[in-house]
């Protein structure tokens, strides 16, 4: 007998899991911060961060079907950005951080991304170098200054 699934989309799954695990102290994500050790993110923390980003993107005019680029390595903020983007019905356009600015420009142009979320200032600098080549790009958001 196949398993019964209670959702049809990733945002629905995320909301159901947040409802199920809210209030529990077990982390959903754990990451190491240089010089500080391990940091835990609970379901409540994750939900708050995802909702905050989704709200911000919505206030910036991002709508269902728009594209938001994620120019980041694997880290909790990538997952938060991906989920926040999906919650408002926008699409994630992933860009490898190892790509040179010219390749990132091609992806941004081809996708028509309106916002690019980058991991660190080094990635922001790459985007600033090619911003004139990306007419749809309206904003660059930096996840972390370090």
N, C-alpha and C. Protein backbone atom coordinates (compact mmCIF):
# COMPACT_ATOMS: atom_id res chain seq x y z
N UNK A 1 0.85 -1.18 0.00
CA UNK A 1 0.00 0.00 0.00
C UNK A 1 0.90 1.25 0.00
N UNK A 2 0.71 2.16 -0.95
CA UNK A 2 1.55 3.35 -1.00
C UNK A 2 1.31 4.27 0.20
N UNK A 3 2.36 4.98 0.55
CA UNK A 3 2.25 5.93 1.66
C UNK A 3 1.30 7.06 1.30
N UNK A 4 0.53 7.50 2.28
CA UNK A 4 -0.38 8.63 2.09
C UNK A 4 0.39 9.93 2.31
N UNK A 5 0.32 10.84 1.35
CA UNK A 5 1.03 12.11 1.44
C UNK A 5 0.02 13.20 1.74
N UNK A 6 0.37 14.07 2.69
CA UNK A 6 -0.55 15.12 3.14
C UNK A 6 -0.29 16.46 2.46
N UNK A 7 0.47 16.47 1.39
CA UNK A 7 0.82 17.73 0.74
C UNK A 7 1.07 17.49 -0.74
N UNK A 8 0.98 18.57 -1.51
CA UNK A 8 1.24 18.50 -2.95
C UNK A 8 2.43 19.35 -3.37
N UNK A 9 2.84 20.27 -2.51
CA UNK A 9 3.93 21.18 -2.86
C UNK A 9 4.93 21.24 -1.71
N UNK A 10 6.13 21.73 -2.00
CA UNK A 10 7.14 21.90 -0.95
C UNK A 10 6.67 22.91 0.10
N UNK A 11 6.08 24.05 -0.28
CA UNK A 11 5.58 24.96 0.76
C UNK A 11 4.52 24.31 1.66
N UNK A 12 3.64 23.50 1.09
CA UNK A 12 2.66 22.79 1.93
C UNK A 12 3.37 21.84 2.90
N UNK A 13 4.36 21.11 2.40
CA UNK A 13 5.11 20.20 3.25
C UNK A 13 5.80 20.98 4.37
N UNK A 14 6.43 22.10 4.03
CA UNK A 14 7.11 22.91 5.03
C UNK A 14 6.14 23.37 6.12
N UNK A 15 4.99 23.87 5.73
CA UNK A 15 4.00 24.33 6.72
C UNK A 15 3.53 23.19 7.61
N UNK A 16 3.29 22.02 7.02
CA UNK A 16 2.85 20.88 7.82
C UNK A 16 3.92 20.45 8.81
N UNK A 17 5.16 20.42 8.37
CA UNK A 17 6.24 20.03 9.28
C UNK A 17 6.44 21.07 10.38
N UNK A 18 6.32 22.34 10.05
CA UNK A 18 6.42 23.38 11.09
C UNK A 18 5.31 23.20 12.11
N UNK A 19 4.09 22.94 11.65
CA UNK A 19 2.97 22.72 12.57
C UNK A 19 3.24 21.50 13.46
N UNK A 20 3.77 20.45 12.86
CA UNK A 20 4.00 19.21 13.61
C UNK A 20 5.10 19.35 14.65
N UNK A 21 6.19 20.05 14.31
CA UNK A 21 7.36 20.08 15.19
C UNK A 21 7.55 21.38 15.96
N UNK A 22 6.67 22.35 15.77
CA UNK A 22 6.77 23.62 16.50
C UNK A 22 6.76 23.34 18.01
N UNK A 23 7.62 24.02 18.72
CA UNK A 23 7.68 23.87 20.17
C UNK A 23 8.67 22.82 20.65
N UNK A 24 9.17 22.01 19.76
CA UNK A 24 10.17 21.01 20.15
C UNK A 24 11.55 21.64 20.11
N UNK A 25 12.39 21.21 21.00
CA UNK A 25 13.74 21.79 21.09
C UNK A 25 14.74 21.15 20.13
N UNK A 26 14.40 20.00 19.56
CA UNK A 26 15.33 19.36 18.63
C UNK A 26 15.53 20.23 17.40
N UNK A 27 16.77 20.41 16.98
CA UNK A 27 17.01 21.26 15.81
C UNK A 27 16.61 20.59 14.50
N UNK A 28 16.20 21.42 13.56
CA UNK A 28 15.96 20.94 12.20
C UNK A 28 17.24 21.11 11.38
N UNK A 29 18.03 22.13 11.73
CA UNK A 29 19.31 22.39 11.06
C UNK A 29 20.37 22.66 12.11
N UNK A 30 21.57 22.24 11.80
CA UNK A 30 22.71 22.51 12.67
C UNK A 30 23.87 22.91 11.77
N UNK A 31 24.55 23.98 12.16
CA UNK A 31 25.68 24.43 11.35
C UNK A 31 26.78 24.96 12.23
N UNK A 32 27.99 24.87 11.72
CA UNK A 32 29.17 25.30 12.47
C UNK A 32 29.52 26.73 12.10
N UNK A 33 29.71 27.55 13.12
CA UNK A 33 30.12 28.94 12.94
C UNK A 33 31.56 29.05 13.39
N UNK A 34 32.41 29.55 12.50
CA UNK A 34 33.84 29.66 12.78
C UNK A 34 34.07 30.41 14.09
N UNK A 35 34.80 29.79 15.00
CA UNK A 35 35.14 30.41 16.27
C UNK A 35 34.06 30.35 17.33
N UNK A 36 32.88 29.85 16.97
CA UNK A 36 31.77 29.81 17.93
C UNK A 36 31.22 28.41 18.15
N UNK A 37 31.60 27.46 17.34
CA UNK A 37 31.07 26.11 17.49
C UNK A 37 29.77 25.92 16.73
N UNK A 38 29.01 24.94 17.18
CA UNK A 38 27.78 24.55 16.48
C UNK A 38 26.61 25.41 16.93
N UNK A 39 25.77 25.79 15.97
CA UNK A 39 24.54 26.53 16.22
C UNK A 39 23.36 25.70 15.73
N UNK A 40 22.32 25.65 16.53
CA UNK A 40 21.12 24.92 16.16
C UNK A 40 20.04 25.88 15.69
N UNK A 41 19.25 25.41 14.74
CA UNK A 41 18.06 26.14 14.29
C UNK A 41 16.87 25.22 14.52
N UNK A 42 15.94 25.66 15.35
CA UNK A 42 14.74 24.87 15.63
C UNK A 42 13.71 25.10 14.51
N UNK A 43 12.66 24.29 14.53
CA UNK A 43 11.59 24.47 13.55
C UNK A 43 10.97 25.85 13.67
N UNK A 44 10.79 26.33 14.90
CA UNK A 44 10.23 27.68 15.07
C UNK A 44 11.15 28.74 14.50
N UNK A 45 12.45 28.62 14.77
CA UNK A 45 13.42 29.58 14.21
C UNK A 45 13.38 29.56 12.68
N UNK A 46 13.37 28.36 12.13
CA UNK A 46 13.35 28.21 10.68
C UNK A 46 12.09 28.83 10.09
N UNK A 47 10.96 28.53 10.69
CA UNK A 47 9.69 29.09 10.21
C UNK A 47 9.70 30.61 10.26
N UNK A 48 10.19 31.17 11.37
CA UNK A 48 10.25 32.64 11.50
C UNK A 48 11.13 33.25 10.42
N UNK A 49 12.28 32.66 10.18
CA UNK A 49 13.21 33.21 9.19
C UNK A 49 12.66 33.09 7.77
N UNK A 50 12.06 31.96 7.47
CA UNK A 50 11.49 31.75 6.14
C UNK A 50 10.34 32.73 5.92
N UNK A 51 9.46 32.86 6.92
CA UNK A 51 8.32 33.78 6.79
C UNK A 51 8.81 35.22 6.64
N UNK A 52 9.85 35.60 7.40
CA UNK A 52 10.38 36.96 7.31
C UNK A 52 10.91 37.24 5.90
N UNK A 53 11.65 36.31 5.34
CA UNK A 53 12.17 36.51 4.00
C UNK A 53 11.04 36.54 2.97
N UNK A 54 10.09 35.62 3.09
CA UNK A 54 8.96 35.61 2.16
C UNK A 54 8.21 36.94 2.21
N UNK A 55 8.01 37.46 3.42
CA UNK A 55 7.34 38.76 3.57
C UNK A 55 8.12 39.87 2.91
N UNK A 56 9.43 39.86 3.10
CA UNK A 56 10.28 40.89 2.49
C UNK A 56 10.20 40.81 0.97
N UNK A 57 10.34 39.61 0.43
CA UNK A 57 10.28 39.46 -1.03
C UNK A 57 8.94 39.94 -1.57
N UNK A 58 7.87 39.61 -0.86
CA UNK A 58 6.53 40.06 -1.27
C UNK A 58 6.44 41.58 -1.27
N UNK A 59 6.96 42.20 -0.21
CA UNK A 59 6.94 43.68 -0.13
C UNK A 59 7.78 44.32 -1.23
N UNK A 60 8.78 43.59 -1.72
CA UNK A 60 9.61 44.10 -2.80
C UNK A 60 8.95 43.89 -4.17
N UNK A 61 7.78 43.30 -4.18
CA UNK A 61 7.05 43.12 -5.43
C UNK A 61 7.23 41.78 -6.10
N UNK A 62 7.92 40.85 -5.45
CA UNK A 62 8.10 39.52 -6.03
C UNK A 62 6.76 38.79 -5.95
N UNK A 63 6.36 38.22 -7.08
CA UNK A 63 5.07 37.55 -7.18
C UNK A 63 5.24 36.12 -7.69
N UNK A 64 4.13 35.41 -7.67
CA UNK A 64 4.12 34.04 -8.18
C UNK A 64 4.67 34.04 -9.61
N UNK A 65 5.62 33.14 -9.86
CA UNK A 65 6.21 33.01 -11.18
C UNK A 65 7.47 33.83 -11.40
N UNK A 66 7.71 34.83 -10.55
CA UNK A 66 8.96 35.60 -10.65
C UNK A 66 10.13 34.71 -10.27
N UNK A 67 11.33 35.11 -10.68
CA UNK A 67 12.52 34.34 -10.36
C UNK A 67 13.43 35.10 -9.41
N UNK A 68 13.92 34.37 -8.40
CA UNK A 68 14.87 34.89 -7.42
C UNK A 68 16.12 34.02 -7.51
N UNK A 69 17.26 34.65 -7.76
CA UNK A 69 18.51 33.90 -7.88
C UNK A 69 19.15 33.71 -6.51
N UNK A 70 19.73 32.52 -6.29
CA UNK A 70 20.48 32.22 -5.07
C UNK A 70 21.91 31.91 -5.49
N UNK A 71 22.81 32.81 -5.12
CA UNK A 71 24.22 32.71 -5.48
C UNK A 71 24.96 32.42 -4.18
N UNK A 72 24.94 31.15 -3.78
CA UNK A 72 25.42 30.80 -2.45
C UNK A 72 25.89 29.36 -2.41
N UNK A 73 26.82 29.12 -1.49
CA UNK A 73 27.21 27.76 -1.20
C UNK A 73 26.15 27.15 -0.27
N UNK A 74 26.32 25.86 0.03
CA UNK A 74 25.39 25.16 0.90
C UNK A 74 25.52 25.69 2.32
N UNK A 75 24.44 26.21 2.87
CA UNK A 75 24.41 26.76 4.22
C UNK A 75 22.95 26.93 4.62
N UNK A 76 22.66 27.08 5.92
CA UNK A 76 21.26 27.22 6.34
C UNK A 76 20.53 28.36 5.63
N UNK A 77 21.21 29.46 5.39
CA UNK A 77 20.56 30.60 4.74
C UNK A 77 20.13 30.27 3.31
N UNK A 78 20.82 29.32 2.68
CA UNK A 78 20.39 28.89 1.34
C UNK A 78 19.02 28.23 1.44
N UNK A 79 18.88 27.31 2.40
CA UNK A 79 17.60 26.63 2.58
C UNK A 79 16.50 27.63 2.94
N UNK A 80 16.82 28.59 3.80
CA UNK A 80 15.85 29.62 4.19
C UNK A 80 15.43 30.43 2.96
N UNK A 81 16.39 30.80 2.15
CA UNK A 81 16.10 31.58 0.94
C UNK A 81 15.27 30.78 -0.05
N UNK A 82 15.61 29.52 -0.22
CA UNK A 82 14.86 28.66 -1.14
C UNK A 82 13.42 28.52 -0.68
N UNK A 83 13.22 28.21 0.59
CA UNK A 83 11.86 28.03 1.10
C UNK A 83 11.07 29.34 1.08
N UNK A 84 11.71 30.45 1.45
CA UNK A 84 11.03 31.75 1.42
C UNK A 84 10.59 32.12 0.02
N UNK A 85 11.43 31.82 -0.94
CA UNK A 85 11.10 32.08 -2.35
C UNK A 85 9.90 31.24 -2.78
N UNK A 86 9.91 29.96 -2.42
CA UNK A 86 8.82 29.07 -2.81
C UNK A 86 7.51 29.40 -2.11
N UNK A 87 7.59 29.88 -0.87
CA UNK A 87 6.36 30.20 -0.14
C UNK A 87 5.51 31.24 -0.85
N UNK A 88 6.14 32.15 -1.58
CA UNK A 88 5.36 33.17 -2.29
C UNK A 88 5.12 32.79 -3.75
N UNK A 89 5.51 31.58 -4.12
CA UNK A 89 5.25 31.09 -5.47
C UNK A 89 6.29 31.48 -6.50
N UNK A 90 7.39 32.05 -6.06
CA UNK A 90 8.47 32.41 -6.98
C UNK A 90 9.37 31.19 -7.19
N UNK A 91 10.22 31.27 -8.19
CA UNK A 91 11.11 30.17 -8.52
C UNK A 91 12.55 30.50 -8.13
N UNK A 92 13.24 29.52 -7.60
CA UNK A 92 14.65 29.64 -7.24
C UNK A 92 15.51 29.37 -8.47
N UNK A 93 16.42 30.29 -8.75
CA UNK A 93 17.40 30.11 -9.81
C UNK A 93 18.76 29.99 -9.12
N UNK A 94 19.29 28.78 -9.03
CA UNK A 94 20.55 28.56 -8.32
C UNK A 94 21.74 28.86 -9.23
N UNK A 95 22.74 29.53 -8.63
CA UNK A 95 23.97 29.85 -9.35
C UNK A 95 25.14 29.34 -8.50
N UNK A 96 26.00 28.52 -9.10
CA UNK A 96 27.17 28.03 -8.38
C UNK A 96 28.10 29.18 -8.04
N UNK A 97 28.62 29.18 -6.82
CA UNK A 97 29.52 30.26 -6.40
C UNK A 97 30.86 30.21 -7.12
N UNK A 98 31.20 29.08 -7.70
CA UNK A 98 32.48 28.96 -8.41
C UNK A 98 32.43 29.57 -9.82
N UNK A 99 31.26 29.95 -10.28
CA UNK A 99 31.16 30.51 -11.63
C UNK A 99 31.75 31.91 -11.70
N UNK A 100 32.37 32.23 -12.82
CA UNK A 100 32.86 33.61 -13.01
C UNK A 100 31.67 34.55 -13.26
N UNK A 101 31.87 35.84 -13.07
CA UNK A 101 30.78 36.80 -13.26
C UNK A 101 30.07 36.69 -14.61
N UNK A 102 30.79 36.41 -15.68
CA UNK A 102 30.16 36.33 -17.00
C UNK A 102 29.12 35.21 -17.07
N UNK A 103 29.40 34.07 -16.45
CA UNK A 103 28.44 32.95 -16.44
C UNK A 103 27.25 33.26 -15.54
N UNK A 104 27.52 33.91 -14.41
CA UNK A 104 26.42 34.32 -13.52
C UNK A 104 25.51 35.30 -14.25
N UNK A 105 26.09 36.22 -15.03
CA UNK A 105 25.30 37.19 -15.80
C UNK A 105 24.40 36.47 -16.79
N UNK A 106 24.94 35.46 -17.46
CA UNK A 106 24.13 34.71 -18.43
C UNK A 106 22.92 34.08 -17.74
N UNK A 107 23.14 33.46 -16.60
CA UNK A 107 22.04 32.80 -15.87
C UNK A 107 21.02 33.83 -15.41
N UNK A 108 21.48 34.93 -14.84
CA UNK A 108 20.56 35.97 -14.38
C UNK A 108 19.72 36.53 -15.53
N UNK A 109 20.35 36.80 -16.66
CA UNK A 109 19.64 37.33 -17.83
C UNK A 109 18.65 36.31 -18.37
N UNK A 110 19.13 35.08 -18.54
CA UNK A 110 18.29 34.03 -19.12
C UNK A 110 17.05 33.77 -18.26
N UNK A 111 17.23 33.81 -16.95
CA UNK A 111 16.12 33.55 -16.03
C UNK A 111 15.24 34.79 -15.83
N UNK A 112 15.81 35.96 -16.05
CA UNK A 112 15.06 37.19 -15.77
C UNK A 112 14.89 37.42 -14.28
N UNK A 113 15.89 37.02 -13.50
CA UNK A 113 15.80 37.16 -12.04
C UNK A 113 15.69 38.63 -11.64
N UNK A 114 14.74 38.90 -10.73
CA UNK A 114 14.54 40.26 -10.24
C UNK A 114 15.39 40.57 -9.02
N UNK A 115 15.63 39.54 -8.21
CA UNK A 115 16.43 39.68 -7.00
C UNK A 115 17.47 38.57 -7.01
N UNK A 116 18.66 38.90 -6.53
CA UNK A 116 19.71 37.90 -6.37
C UNK A 116 20.13 37.91 -4.90
N UNK A 117 20.01 36.77 -4.25
CA UNK A 117 20.43 36.61 -2.86
C UNK A 117 21.81 35.95 -2.90
N UNK A 118 22.80 36.64 -2.34
CA UNK A 118 24.17 36.13 -2.35
C UNK A 118 24.60 35.79 -0.93
N UNK A 119 25.58 34.91 -0.82
CA UNK A 119 26.01 34.45 0.51
C UNK A 119 26.87 35.48 1.23
N UNK A 120 27.83 36.05 0.55
CA UNK A 120 28.82 36.94 1.19
C UNK A 120 29.18 38.09 0.25
N UNK A 121 29.84 39.12 0.78
CA UNK A 121 30.22 40.26 -0.06
C UNK A 121 31.02 39.92 -1.31
N UNK A 122 31.84 38.87 -1.27
CA UNK A 122 32.61 38.48 -2.46
C UNK A 122 31.66 38.17 -3.62
N UNK A 123 30.57 37.48 -3.31
CA UNK A 123 29.59 37.15 -4.36
C UNK A 123 28.84 38.41 -4.80
N UNK A 124 28.54 39.30 -3.85
CA UNK A 124 27.88 40.56 -4.21
C UNK A 124 28.75 41.34 -5.20
N UNK A 125 30.05 41.34 -4.96
CA UNK A 125 30.97 42.06 -5.84
C UNK A 125 30.89 41.50 -7.27
N UNK A 126 30.81 40.17 -7.39
CA UNK A 126 30.67 39.55 -8.72
C UNK A 126 29.40 40.06 -9.41
N UNK A 127 28.32 40.14 -8.66
CA UNK A 127 27.05 40.59 -9.24
C UNK A 127 27.12 42.07 -9.61
N UNK A 128 27.75 42.87 -8.76
CA UNK A 128 27.89 44.30 -9.06
C UNK A 128 28.67 44.52 -10.35
N UNK A 129 29.65 43.65 -10.63
CA UNK A 129 30.45 43.75 -11.86
C UNK A 129 29.60 43.58 -13.11
N UNK A 130 28.54 42.81 -13.02
CA UNK A 130 27.76 42.48 -14.21
C UNK A 130 26.33 43.02 -14.15
N UNK A 131 26.02 43.84 -13.18
CA UNK A 131 24.65 44.33 -12.99
C UNK A 131 24.11 45.02 -14.24
N UNK A 132 24.94 45.76 -14.95
CA UNK A 132 24.48 46.46 -16.16
C UNK A 132 24.05 45.51 -17.26
N UNK A 133 24.53 44.27 -17.20
CA UNK A 133 24.18 43.27 -18.21
C UNK A 133 22.89 42.53 -17.87
N UNK A 134 22.30 42.83 -16.72
CA UNK A 134 21.13 42.10 -16.23
C UNK A 134 19.98 43.10 -16.00
N UNK A 135 19.26 43.46 -17.06
CA UNK A 135 18.26 44.52 -16.96
C UNK A 135 17.10 44.22 -16.00
N UNK A 136 16.78 42.96 -15.78
CA UNK A 136 15.67 42.61 -14.89
C UNK A 136 16.06 42.69 -13.42
N UNK A 137 17.35 42.60 -13.12
CA UNK A 137 17.83 42.55 -11.74
C UNK A 137 17.61 43.89 -11.04
N UNK A 138 16.85 43.86 -9.95
CA UNK A 138 16.50 45.07 -9.21
C UNK A 138 17.24 45.21 -7.88
N UNK A 139 17.63 44.08 -7.29
CA UNK A 139 18.21 44.14 -5.94
C UNK A 139 19.12 42.96 -5.69
N UNK A 140 20.16 43.20 -4.89
CA UNK A 140 21.05 42.13 -4.41
C UNK A 140 20.96 42.13 -2.89
N UNK A 141 20.69 40.98 -2.32
CA UNK A 141 20.60 40.80 -0.87
C UNK A 141 21.79 39.96 -0.43
N UNK A 142 22.49 40.39 0.62
CA UNK A 142 23.64 39.64 1.14
C UNK A 142 23.21 38.91 2.41
N UNK A 143 23.44 37.60 2.46
CA UNK A 143 23.06 36.79 3.62
C UNK A 143 23.89 37.14 4.85
N UNK A 144 25.19 37.31 4.65
CA UNK A 144 26.10 37.50 5.76
C UNK A 144 27.26 38.38 5.33
N UNK A 145 27.70 39.23 6.22
CA UNK A 145 28.83 40.11 5.91
C UNK A 145 30.18 39.43 6.13
N UNK A 146 30.17 38.18 6.61
CA UNK A 146 31.43 37.46 6.84
C UNK A 146 31.49 36.20 6.02
